[in-house]
N, C-alpha and C. Protein backbone atom coordinates (compact mmCIF):
# COMPACT_ATOMS: atom_id res chain seq x y z
N MET A 1 12.86 12.01 -17.81
CA MET A 1 13.22 11.80 -16.59
C MET A 1 11.98 11.65 -15.61
N ASN A 2 11.97 10.76 -14.48
CA ASN A 2 11.09 10.66 -13.76
C ASN A 2 11.28 11.41 -12.33
N ASP A 3 10.30 12.32 -12.10
CA ASP A 3 10.53 13.30 -10.97
C ASP A 3 10.04 12.65 -9.70
N GLN A 4 9.35 11.65 -9.80
CA GLN A 4 8.71 10.79 -8.47
C GLN A 4 9.81 9.97 -7.90
N VAL A 5 9.99 9.82 -6.77
CA VAL A 5 10.95 8.99 -5.99
C VAL A 5 10.25 7.77 -5.64
N GLN A 6 10.58 6.75 -6.04
CA GLN A 6 10.00 5.49 -5.85
C GLN A 6 10.41 5.00 -4.37
N SER A 7 9.78 4.65 -3.57
CA SER A 7 10.05 4.12 -2.31
C SER A 7 10.38 2.65 -2.14
N ALA A 8 11.41 2.28 -1.43
CA ALA A 8 12.03 1.21 -1.21
C ALA A 8 10.85 0.08 -0.75
N ALA A 9 10.06 0.45 0.09
CA ALA A 9 8.81 -0.39 0.76
C ALA A 9 7.70 -0.57 -0.29
N PRO A 10 7.46 -1.88 -0.58
CA PRO A 10 6.32 -2.29 -1.58
C PRO A 10 5.06 -1.47 -1.25
N GLN A 11 4.13 -1.51 -2.02
CA GLN A 11 2.85 -0.95 -1.86
C GLN A 11 2.03 -1.54 -0.72
N GLU A 12 2.00 -3.01 -0.63
CA GLU A 12 1.39 -3.61 0.45
C GLU A 12 1.99 -3.09 1.80
N ASP A 13 3.00 -3.02 1.89
CA ASP A 13 3.68 -2.54 3.19
C ASP A 13 3.52 -1.31 3.60
N ARG A 14 3.24 -0.40 2.53
CA ARG A 14 2.76 0.98 2.79
C ARG A 14 1.51 1.24 3.18
N THR A 15 0.55 0.32 2.43
CA THR A 15 -0.93 0.11 2.97
C THR A 15 -1.11 -0.27 4.27
N ILE A 16 -0.34 -1.16 4.71
CA ILE A 16 -0.36 -1.94 6.18
C ILE A 16 0.02 -0.82 6.96
N ALA A 17 1.17 -0.11 6.93
CA ALA A 17 1.68 1.10 7.60
C ALA A 17 0.64 2.12 7.66
N LEU A 18 -0.18 2.51 6.59
CA LEU A 18 -1.15 3.61 6.71
C LEU A 18 -2.35 3.09 7.61
N ILE A 19 -2.69 1.73 7.43
CA ILE A 19 -3.68 1.37 8.17
C ILE A 19 -3.19 1.26 9.73
N THR A 20 -2.04 0.86 10.15
CA THR A 20 -1.52 0.82 11.23
C THR A 20 -1.40 2.21 12.14
N HIS A 21 -1.10 3.20 11.47
CA HIS A 21 -1.12 4.51 11.91
C HIS A 21 -2.48 5.04 12.13
N LEU A 22 -3.46 4.95 11.03
CA LEU A 22 -4.84 5.45 11.35
C LEU A 22 -5.61 4.74 12.44
N SER A 23 -5.37 3.41 12.52
CA SER A 23 -5.96 2.72 13.53
C SER A 23 -5.74 3.14 14.96
N GLY A 24 -4.83 3.97 15.17
CA GLY A 24 -4.58 4.58 16.43
C GLY A 24 -5.95 5.52 16.81
N ILE A 25 -6.52 6.12 15.79
CA ILE A 25 -7.73 6.90 16.13
C ILE A 25 -8.62 6.26 16.82
N ILE A 26 -8.94 4.97 16.58
CA ILE A 26 -10.19 4.24 17.28
C ILE A 26 -9.88 3.08 17.85
N ALA A 27 -8.75 2.50 17.46
CA ALA A 27 -8.45 1.10 18.24
C ALA A 27 -6.93 1.30 19.16
N SER A 28 -6.53 2.55 19.26
CA SER A 28 -5.42 2.72 20.15
C SER A 28 -4.08 1.91 19.69
N PHE A 29 -3.58 1.08 20.74
CA PHE A 29 -2.51 0.57 20.59
C PHE A 29 -2.62 -0.91 19.90
N ILE A 30 -3.88 -1.33 19.59
CA ILE A 30 -4.06 -2.85 19.45
C ILE A 30 -3.56 -3.22 18.14
N VAL A 31 -3.91 -2.53 16.99
CA VAL A 31 -3.50 -2.63 15.71
C VAL A 31 -1.86 -2.80 15.61
N PRO A 32 -1.35 -1.64 16.06
CA PRO A 32 0.10 -1.36 15.86
C PRO A 32 0.65 -2.50 16.76
N LEU A 33 0.46 -3.07 17.68
CA LEU A 33 0.94 -4.19 18.66
C LEU A 33 0.64 -5.48 17.97
N ILE A 34 -0.35 -5.68 17.13
CA ILE A 34 -0.44 -7.00 16.31
C ILE A 34 0.44 -6.83 15.19
N ILE A 35 0.50 -5.88 14.45
CA ILE A 35 1.51 -5.88 13.12
C ILE A 35 2.83 -5.97 13.77
N TRP A 36 3.13 -5.21 14.89
CA TRP A 36 4.56 -5.38 15.21
C TRP A 36 4.93 -6.97 15.46
N LEU A 37 3.90 -7.57 16.38
CA LEU A 37 4.19 -8.90 16.81
C LEU A 37 4.22 -9.78 15.49
N ILE A 38 3.45 -9.46 14.53
CA ILE A 38 3.51 -10.40 13.36
C ILE A 38 4.80 -10.26 12.52
N ASN A 39 5.13 -9.12 12.56
CA ASN A 39 6.31 -8.80 11.36
C ASN A 39 7.65 -8.88 12.34
N LYS A 40 7.93 -8.64 13.56
CA LYS A 40 9.05 -8.28 14.22
C LYS A 40 10.25 -9.22 13.85
N ASP A 41 9.98 -10.56 13.57
CA ASP A 41 10.91 -11.60 13.22
C ASP A 41 11.26 -11.78 11.81
N LYS A 42 10.76 -11.11 11.06
CA LYS A 42 10.94 -10.88 9.56
C LYS A 42 11.84 -9.97 9.16
N PRO A 43 13.02 -10.22 8.73
CA PRO A 43 13.87 -9.20 8.20
C PRO A 43 13.48 -8.36 6.99
N GLU A 44 12.76 -9.11 6.13
CA GLU A 44 12.48 -8.51 4.98
C GLU A 44 10.91 -7.34 5.32
N LYS A 45 10.71 -7.53 6.61
CA LYS A 45 9.49 -6.45 6.91
C LYS A 45 9.94 -5.46 7.76
N SER A 46 11.26 -5.20 7.73
CA SER A 46 11.95 -4.22 8.64
C SER A 46 11.34 -3.03 8.60
N TRP A 47 10.80 -2.49 7.48
CA TRP A 47 10.23 -1.08 7.48
C TRP A 47 9.02 -1.00 8.13
N ILE A 48 7.98 -1.93 7.81
CA ILE A 48 6.80 -1.90 8.59
C ILE A 48 6.86 -2.37 9.95
N THR A 49 7.86 -3.18 10.40
CA THR A 49 8.21 -3.30 11.70
C THR A 49 8.40 -1.94 12.47
N GLY A 50 9.31 -1.30 11.81
CA GLY A 50 9.81 0.22 12.37
C GLY A 50 8.60 1.27 12.51
N GLN A 51 7.65 0.96 11.53
CA GLN A 51 6.52 2.03 11.46
C GLN A 51 5.53 1.59 12.74
N ALA A 52 5.23 0.10 12.79
CA ALA A 52 4.50 -0.51 13.68
C ALA A 52 5.12 0.01 14.96
N LYS A 53 6.23 -0.03 15.42
CA LYS A 53 6.91 0.41 16.66
C LYS A 53 6.66 1.97 16.80
N GLU A 54 6.89 2.64 15.84
CA GLU A 54 6.43 4.25 15.97
C GLU A 54 5.03 4.41 16.37
N ALA A 55 4.08 3.64 15.84
CA ALA A 55 2.60 3.85 16.07
C ALA A 55 2.38 3.27 17.46
N LEU A 56 2.86 2.24 17.90
CA LEU A 56 2.79 1.65 19.15
C LEU A 56 3.25 2.49 20.23
N ASN A 57 4.64 2.75 20.14
CA ASN A 57 5.15 3.89 21.16
C ASN A 57 4.25 5.31 21.28
N PHE A 58 3.78 5.58 20.31
CA PHE A 58 3.07 6.99 20.37
C PHE A 58 1.68 6.60 20.81
N GLN A 59 0.77 5.50 20.65
CA GLN A 59 -0.31 5.34 21.40
C GLN A 59 -0.07 4.83 22.70
N ILE A 60 1.10 4.38 23.10
CA ILE A 60 1.44 4.25 24.68
C ILE A 60 1.60 5.49 25.15
N THR A 61 2.08 6.64 24.44
CA THR A 61 2.46 7.83 25.04
C THR A 61 0.91 8.49 25.32
N ILE A 62 0.03 8.23 24.12
CA ILE A 62 -1.44 8.66 24.51
C ILE A 62 -2.15 8.25 25.46
N ILE A 63 -1.80 6.94 25.70
CA ILE A 63 -2.65 6.58 26.87
C ILE A 63 -1.98 7.06 28.30
N LEU A 64 -0.76 7.17 28.17
CA LEU A 64 -0.18 7.84 29.54
C LEU A 64 -0.66 9.46 29.58
N ALA A 65 -0.88 10.12 28.51
CA ALA A 65 -1.29 11.41 28.57
C ALA A 65 -2.58 11.39 29.12
N TRP A 66 -3.64 10.49 28.37
CA TRP A 66 -4.92 10.30 28.96
C TRP A 66 -5.08 10.00 30.59
N PHE A 67 -4.10 9.24 30.95
CA PHE A 67 -3.92 8.86 32.58
C PHE A 67 -3.60 10.09 33.34
N VAL A 68 -2.86 10.80 32.74
CA VAL A 68 -2.39 12.16 33.29
C VAL A 68 -3.59 13.16 33.52
N ALA A 69 -4.26 13.07 32.34
CA ALA A 69 -5.22 14.06 32.24
C ALA A 69 -6.35 13.87 33.16
N ILE A 70 -6.81 12.49 33.26
CA ILE A 70 -7.77 11.87 34.24
C ILE A 70 -7.25 12.22 35.63
N VAL A 71 -5.99 12.07 36.10
CA VAL A 71 -5.67 12.39 37.49
C VAL A 71 -6.00 14.05 37.54
N LEU A 72 -5.38 14.51 36.69
CA LEU A 72 -5.34 15.99 36.92
C LEU A 72 -6.89 16.68 36.99
N SER A 73 -7.71 15.92 36.29
CA SER A 73 -9.27 16.35 36.32
C SER A 73 -9.93 16.20 37.83
N PHE A 74 -9.03 15.63 38.76
CA PHE A 74 -9.57 15.76 40.37
C PHE A 74 -9.20 17.02 40.78
N ILE A 75 -8.31 17.73 39.94
CA ILE A 75 -7.86 19.02 40.48
C ILE A 75 -8.41 20.28 39.52
N ALA A 76 -9.35 19.86 38.94
CA ALA A 76 -10.10 20.52 38.15
C ALA A 76 -9.35 21.20 36.87
N ILE A 77 -8.14 20.84 36.37
CA ILE A 77 -7.62 21.29 35.16
C ILE A 77 -7.35 20.23 34.21
N GLY A 78 -7.43 18.99 34.45
CA GLY A 78 -7.33 17.98 33.49
C GLY A 78 -8.19 17.86 32.27
N PHE A 79 -9.47 18.34 32.73
CA PHE A 79 -10.50 18.43 31.60
C PHE A 79 -10.06 19.22 30.34
N LEU A 80 -9.13 20.05 30.66
CA LEU A 80 -8.70 20.95 29.44
C LEU A 80 -7.93 20.20 28.60
N LEU A 81 -7.30 19.33 29.20
CA LEU A 81 -6.27 18.26 28.33
C LEU A 81 -7.04 17.43 27.34
N TYR A 82 -8.18 17.04 27.61
CA TYR A 82 -9.11 16.21 27.08
C TYR A 82 -9.10 16.39 25.33
N PRO A 83 -9.48 17.83 24.88
CA PRO A 83 -9.64 18.01 23.48
C PRO A 83 -8.25 18.02 22.69
N VAL A 84 -7.05 18.59 23.62
CA VAL A 84 -5.77 18.68 23.26
C VAL A 84 -5.22 17.52 22.70
N ILE A 85 -5.41 16.38 23.65
CA ILE A 85 -5.13 14.86 23.45
C ILE A 85 -5.89 14.44 22.52
N TRP A 86 -6.98 14.64 22.49
CA TRP A 86 -7.72 13.76 21.14
C TRP A 86 -7.43 14.33 19.80
N ILE A 87 -7.15 15.61 19.84
CA ILE A 87 -6.84 16.39 18.50
C ILE A 87 -5.62 16.00 18.10
N GLY A 88 -4.56 16.15 18.97
CA GLY A 88 -3.04 15.85 18.72
C GLY A 88 -3.11 14.30 18.29
N ASN A 89 -3.88 13.33 18.75
CA ASN A 89 -3.71 12.08 18.53
C ASN A 89 -4.18 11.75 16.81
N LEU A 90 -5.37 12.64 16.62
CA LEU A 90 -5.93 12.68 15.46
C LEU A 90 -5.00 13.22 14.18
N VAL A 91 -4.59 14.21 14.53
CA VAL A 91 -3.61 15.06 13.69
C VAL A 91 -2.26 14.11 13.22
N PHE A 92 -1.62 13.67 14.37
CA PHE A 92 -0.56 13.04 14.10
C PHE A 92 -0.99 11.70 13.63
N CYS A 93 -1.81 10.90 13.87
CA CYS A 93 -1.91 9.79 13.16
C CYS A 93 -2.26 10.01 11.62
N ILE A 94 -2.96 10.96 11.32
CA ILE A 94 -3.29 11.29 9.89
C ILE A 94 -1.88 11.67 9.24
N LEU A 95 -1.04 12.67 9.88
CA LEU A 95 0.06 12.84 9.29
C LEU A 95 1.04 11.67 9.14
N ALA A 96 1.15 10.66 10.03
CA ALA A 96 1.90 9.51 10.08
C ALA A 96 1.33 8.66 9.02
N GLY A 97 0.13 8.57 8.83
CA GLY A 97 -0.53 7.69 7.79
C GLY A 97 -0.14 7.96 6.24
N VAL A 98 -0.29 9.32 6.03
CA VAL A 98 -0.06 10.05 4.82
C VAL A 98 1.40 9.63 4.36
N ALA A 99 2.20 9.95 5.40
CA ALA A 99 3.60 9.69 5.15
C ALA A 99 4.06 8.26 4.92
N SER A 100 3.65 7.53 5.68
CA SER A 100 3.80 6.15 5.35
C SER A 100 3.18 5.59 4.09
N ASN A 101 2.06 6.09 3.69
CA ASN A 101 1.67 5.61 2.54
C ASN A 101 2.47 6.17 1.45
N LYS A 102 3.14 7.06 1.54
CA LYS A 102 4.28 7.67 0.52
C LYS A 102 5.52 6.78 0.49
N GLY A 103 5.62 5.94 1.57
CA GLY A 103 7.04 5.12 1.64
C GLY A 103 8.07 5.79 2.81
N GLU A 104 7.49 6.93 3.40
CA GLU A 104 8.73 7.74 4.24
C GLU A 104 8.50 7.37 5.51
N ASP A 105 9.65 7.23 6.17
CA ASP A 105 9.83 6.84 7.49
C ASP A 105 9.25 7.91 8.22
N TYR A 106 8.22 7.75 9.21
CA TYR A 106 7.66 8.79 9.94
C TYR A 106 7.97 8.74 11.46
N ARG A 107 8.36 9.67 12.12
CA ARG A 107 8.59 9.79 13.45
C ARG A 107 7.76 10.56 14.03
N TYR A 108 6.96 10.25 15.10
CA TYR A 108 5.81 10.95 15.77
C TYR A 108 6.91 11.98 16.64
N PRO A 109 6.61 13.44 16.47
CA PRO A 109 7.35 14.34 17.29
C PRO A 109 7.17 14.44 18.78
N VAL A 110 6.15 13.84 19.36
CA VAL A 110 5.91 13.70 20.62
C VAL A 110 5.78 12.20 20.88
N SER A 111 6.62 11.44 21.37
CA SER A 111 6.25 10.17 21.56
C SER A 111 7.44 9.72 22.65
N ILE A 112 7.06 8.90 23.54
CA ILE A 112 8.06 8.12 24.38
C ILE A 112 8.50 6.82 23.76
N ARG A 113 9.63 6.59 23.59
CA ARG A 113 10.04 5.46 22.81
C ARG A 113 10.39 4.16 23.61
N LEU A 114 9.46 3.35 24.08
CA LEU A 114 9.55 2.36 25.06
C LEU A 114 9.88 1.14 24.37
N ILE A 115 9.31 0.96 23.17
CA ILE A 115 9.63 -0.08 22.48
C ILE A 115 10.72 0.23 21.36
N SER A 116 11.85 -0.37 21.44
CA SER A 116 12.77 -0.07 20.36
C SER A 116 13.37 -1.26 19.80
């Protein structure tokens, strides 16, 4: 009996999802946007499209958080948010990458879902 659960997503899709999530650490929303635009009209790529949308929504949320932190910096408290935003982005992107590489659907716990 095999104790491991095989994912419905092919390994290639899982690797692309891993790269999509981890790219948010360096490239923000660019890679998730490209992956989503390339695959959004392909029904056989629905899993990778869903993961790209999750990553894109999270990166948009991160951009909004940076904007708020910069605005709040003018009243001397926003700079405290800089490390929180950076570490949060790093941790959640890594968690999402690991989960998607296993073939799991990952939902970011803190994300504004603008792209649906």
